[in-house]
Each structure stands twice: as C-alpha cells, then as structure tokens.
Amino acid sequence: MTARRETQPERTALSWTRTALGVVAVAALIGHRAVVGGHPGVLVPAGVCALLGVALAAGVGTVRDRRVRDLASRDEAVADPRLAALATAVVVVVGAVAAVSVLVARLD
C-alpha cells in the first residue's frame, strides 16, 4: 500500500490561481467605476492591474503549478519566497490603485 499523498502543494497552486483571478476581478471593478463615474484617467491603471492579474495567472501560476507538481512527486520542498513576494506586490499595487480610484470618485 502506498502512503497517502499530501494535498498542500495542490492547494497552494490553486491559491495562486484564485489570487490572480481576484486581481483581475478588482481591475474590472476599477475599470467599471472609471467608466461609470466619468474618470477616464483611472482606466490606464485599471488596465495595468488587469494585465498584472493575467500575467500572474497565466505566467507565474502555470509555471508554479507545474513546478509544484514536479517537486511534490519527488517529495522535495515546494516553497518559493520570491514568487510569494511577487504575488504580494501585485496585490498591494492593485489595492493601492483601487483606493486611489475610490478617492478620485469621492473628490467629485
């Protein structure tokens, strides 16, 4: 009988995808608020946030998922602090853009 395989690496890989999709959703909400609120200047940062989310999902998420599966099959450590810092930076940037878009709308 084989030992039951731990699912933590798979959950971690799924959390990357969930984070990236959340970034894209927030970027879409910022873009919607820019169009509806009449603030076209906020569309550019919203587009940048959307591109960051797509890059996080398509690039980092896919590469990370593949790497996690490979390392987990060999029972090696799968942690990568640099990628976690990158994802954190993307979330902070999108949060800052969201805060600015709310403040711009409040100034009117």
C-alpha atoms as a PDB file:
ATOM      1  CA  MET A   1       0.000   0.000   0.000  1.00  0.00           C
ATOM      2  CA  THR A   2       1.312   3.452  -0.881  1.00  0.00           C
ATOM      3  CA  ALA A   3       1.285   6.371   1.531  1.00  0.00           C
ATOM      4  CA  ARG A   4      -1.420   8.947   1.058  1.00  0.00           C
ATOM      5  CA  ARG A   5      -0.026  11.950  -0.787  1.00  0.00           C
ATOM      6  CA  GLU A   6      -0.260  15.354   0.893  1.00  0.00           C
ATOM      7  CA  THR A   7      -2.517  17.863  -0.874  1.00  0.00           C
ATOM      8  CA  GLN A   8      -0.955  21.062   0.466  1.00  0.00           C
ATOM      9  CA  PRO A   9       1.102  21.747  -2.703  1.00  0.00           C
ATOM     10  CA  GLU A  10      -2.019  21.421  -4.846  1.00  0.00           C
ATOM     11  CA  ARG A  11      -3.964  23.767  -2.570  1.00  0.00           C
ATOM     12  CA  THR A  12      -1.106  26.248  -2.733  1.00  0.00           C
ATOM     13  CA  ALA A  13      -1.106  26.155  -6.532  1.00  0.00           C
ATOM     14  CA  LEU A  14      -4.859  26.682  -6.564  1.00  0.00           C
ATOM     15  CA  SER A  15      -4.491  29.664  -4.240  1.00  0.00           C
ATOM     16  CA  TRP A  16      -2.172  31.298  -6.800  1.00  0.00           C
ATOM     17  CA  THR A  17      -4.893  30.992  -9.409  1.00  0.00           C
ATOM     18  CA  ARG A  18      -7.521  32.300  -7.007  1.00  0.00           C
ATOM     19  CA  THR A  19      -5.352  35.303  -6.138  1.00  0.00           C
ATOM     20  CA  ALA A  20      -4.752  36.116  -9.805  1.00  0.00           C
ATOM     21  CA  LEU A  21      -8.459  35.871 -10.619  1.00  0.00           C
ATOM     22  CA  GLY A  22      -9.201  38.165  -7.691  1.00  0.00           C
ATOM     23  CA  VAL A  23      -6.731  40.717  -9.071  1.00  0.00           C
ATOM     24  CA  VAL A  24      -8.421  40.600 -12.485  1.00  0.00           C
ATOM     25  CA  ALA A  25     -11.860  40.993 -10.872  1.00  0.00           C
ATOM     26  CA  VAL A  26     -10.751  44.031  -8.864  1.00  0.00           C
ATOM     27  CA  ALA A  27      -9.211  45.543 -12.005  1.00  0.00           C
ATOM     28  CA  ALA A  28     -12.525  45.057 -13.820  1.00  0.00           C
ATOM     29  CA  LEU A  29     -14.365  46.774 -10.973  1.00  0.00           C
ATOM     30  CA  ILE A  30     -11.912  49.684 -11.068  1.00  0.00           C
ATOM     31  CA  GLY A  31     -12.428  49.964 -14.826  1.00  0.00           C
ATOM     32  CA  HIS A  32     -16.194  49.869 -14.419  1.00  0.00           C
ATOM     33  CA  ARG A  33     -16.061  52.586 -11.787  1.00  0.00           C
ATOM     34  CA  ALA A  34     -13.853  54.697 -14.070  1.00  0.00           C
ATOM     35  CA  VAL A  35     -16.289  54.425 -16.975  1.00  0.00           C
ATOM     36  CA  VAL A  36     -19.478  54.889 -14.954  1.00  0.00           C
ATOM     37  CA  GLY A  37     -18.002  57.620 -12.765  1.00  0.00           C
ATOM     38  CA  GLY A  38     -16.579  59.549 -15.699  1.00  0.00           C
ATOM     39  CA  HIS A  39     -12.920  59.225 -14.697  1.00  0.00           C
ATOM     40  CA  PRO A  40     -11.157  58.009 -17.856  1.00  0.00           C
ATOM     41  CA  GLY A  41      -7.743  58.645 -16.299  1.00  0.00           C
ATOM     42  CA  VAL A  42      -8.296  55.682 -13.988  1.00  0.00           C
ATOM     43  CA  LEU A  43      -8.733  53.327 -16.953  1.00  0.00           C
ATOM     44  CA  VAL A  44      -4.988  53.101 -17.588  1.00  0.00           C
ATOM     45  CA  PRO A  45      -4.128  51.947 -14.043  1.00  0.00           C
ATOM     46  CA  ALA A  46      -7.099  49.564 -14.195  1.00  0.00           C
ATOM     47  CA  GLY A  47      -5.728  48.099 -17.412  1.00  0.00           C
ATOM     48  CA  VAL A  48      -2.281  47.719 -15.876  1.00  0.00           C
ATOM     49  CA  CYS A  49      -3.825  45.923 -12.892  1.00  0.00           C
ATOM     50  CA  ALA A  50      -5.723  43.602 -15.223  1.00  0.00           C
ATOM     51  CA  LEU A  51      -2.523  42.797 -17.110  1.00  0.00           C
ATOM     52  CA  LEU A  52      -0.732  42.090 -13.829  1.00  0.00           C
ATOM     53  CA  GLY A  53      -3.515  39.701 -12.834  1.00  0.00           C
ATOM     54  CA  VAL A  54      -3.453  37.920 -16.179  1.00  0.00           C
ATOM     55  CA  ALA A  55       0.349  37.652 -16.034  1.00  0.00           C
ATOM     56  CA  LEU A  56       0.106  36.274 -12.513  1.00  0.00           C
ATOM     57  CA  ALA A  57      -2.467  33.686 -13.580  1.00  0.00           C
ATOM     58  CA  ALA A  58      -1.002  32.708 -16.928  1.00  0.00           C
ATOM     59  CA  GLY A  59       2.692  33.030 -16.256  1.00  0.00           C
ATOM     60  CA  VAL A  60       3.515  32.610 -12.624  1.00  0.00           C
ATOM     61  CA  GLY A  61       0.502  30.442 -11.766  1.00  0.00           C
ATOM     62  CA  THR A  62       1.061  27.964 -14.571  1.00  0.00           C
ATOM     63  CA  VAL A  63       4.813  27.730 -14.075  1.00  0.00           C
ATOM     64  CA  ARG A  64       4.358  27.441 -10.315  1.00  0.00           C
ATOM     65  CA  ASP A  65       1.739  24.720 -10.684  1.00  0.00           C
ATOM     66  CA  ARG A  66       3.992  22.672 -12.941  1.00  0.00           C
ATOM     67  CA  ARG A  67       6.961  23.142 -10.591  1.00  0.00           C
ATOM     68  CA  VAL A  68       4.903  22.253  -7.504  1.00  0.00           C
ATOM     69  CA  ARG A  69       3.676  19.024  -9.078  1.00  0.00           C
ATOM     70  CA  ASP A  70       7.206  18.065 -10.090  1.00  0.00           C
ATOM     71  CA  LEU A  71       8.735  18.809  -6.687  1.00  0.00           C
ATOM     72  CA  ALA A  72       5.867  17.218  -4.758  1.00  0.00           C
ATOM     73  CA  SER A  73       6.217  13.996  -6.751  1.00  0.00           C
ATOM     74  CA  ARG A  74       9.850  13.838  -5.633  1.00  0.00           C
ATOM     75  CA  ASP A  75       8.984  14.774  -2.018  1.00  0.00           C
ATOM     76  CA  GLU A  76      11.054  17.966  -2.158  1.00  0.00           C
ATOM     77  CA  ALA A  77      10.237  21.343  -0.610  1.00  0.00           C
ATOM     78  CA  VAL A  78       7.994  23.444  -2.842  1.00  0.00           C
ATOM     79  CA  ALA A  79       8.210  26.840  -1.124  1.00  0.00           C
ATOM     80  CA  ASP A  80       9.455  29.777  -3.213  1.00  0.00           C
ATOM     81  CA  PRO A  81       9.560  33.033  -1.225  1.00  0.00           C
ATOM     82  CA  ARG A  82      10.321  35.152  -4.323  1.00  0.00           C
ATOM     83  CA  LEU A  83       7.061  34.197  -6.006  1.00  0.00           C
ATOM     84  CA  ALA A  84       5.141  34.836  -2.815  1.00  0.00           C
ATOM     85  CA  ALA A  85       6.719  38.293  -2.617  1.00  0.00           C
ATOM     86  CA  LEU A  86       5.778  38.930  -6.257  1.00  0.00           C
ATOM     87  CA  ALA A  87       2.162  37.964  -5.671  1.00  0.00           C
ATOM     88  CA  THR A  88       2.074  40.128  -2.552  1.00  0.00           C
ATOM     89  CA  ALA A  89       3.462  43.086  -4.501  1.00  0.00           C
ATOM     90  CA  VAL A  90       0.816  42.659  -7.219  1.00  0.00           C
ATOM     91  CA  VAL A  91      -1.976  42.540  -4.634  1.00  0.00           C
ATOM     92  CA  VAL A  92      -0.607  45.645  -2.880  1.00  0.00           C
ATOM     93  CA  VAL A  93      -0.377  47.577  -6.177  1.00  0.00           C
ATOM     94  CA  VAL A  94      -3.932  46.629  -7.129  1.00  0.00           C
ATOM     95  CA  GLY A  95      -5.159  47.575  -3.655  1.00  0.00           C
ATOM     96  CA  ALA A  96      -3.462  50.957  -3.934  1.00  0.00           C
ATOM     97  CA  VAL A  97      -4.994  51.587  -7.360  1.00  0.00           C
ATOM     98  CA  ALA A  98      -8.405  50.595  -6.013  1.00  0.00           C
ATOM     99  CA  ALA A  99      -8.007  53.006  -3.099  1.00  0.00           C
ATOM    100  CA  VAL A 100      -6.985  55.829  -5.439  1.00  0.00           C
ATOM    101  CA  SER A 101      -9.959  55.147  -7.705  1.00  0.00           C
ATOM    102  CA  VAL A 102     -12.301  55.382  -4.737  1.00  0.00           C
ATOM    103  CA  LEU A 103     -10.674  58.617  -3.569  1.00  0.00           C
ATOM    104  CA  VAL A 104     -10.870  60.139  -7.071  1.00  0.00           C
ATOM    105  CA  ALA A 105     -14.573  59.351  -7.202  1.00  0.00           C
ATOM    106  CA  ARG A 106     -15.102  60.909  -3.746  1.00  0.00           C
ATOM    107  CA  LEU A 107     -13.447  64.177  -4.790  1.00  0.00           C
ATOM    108  CA  ASP A 108     -16.217  64.948  -7.273  1.00  0.00           C
END
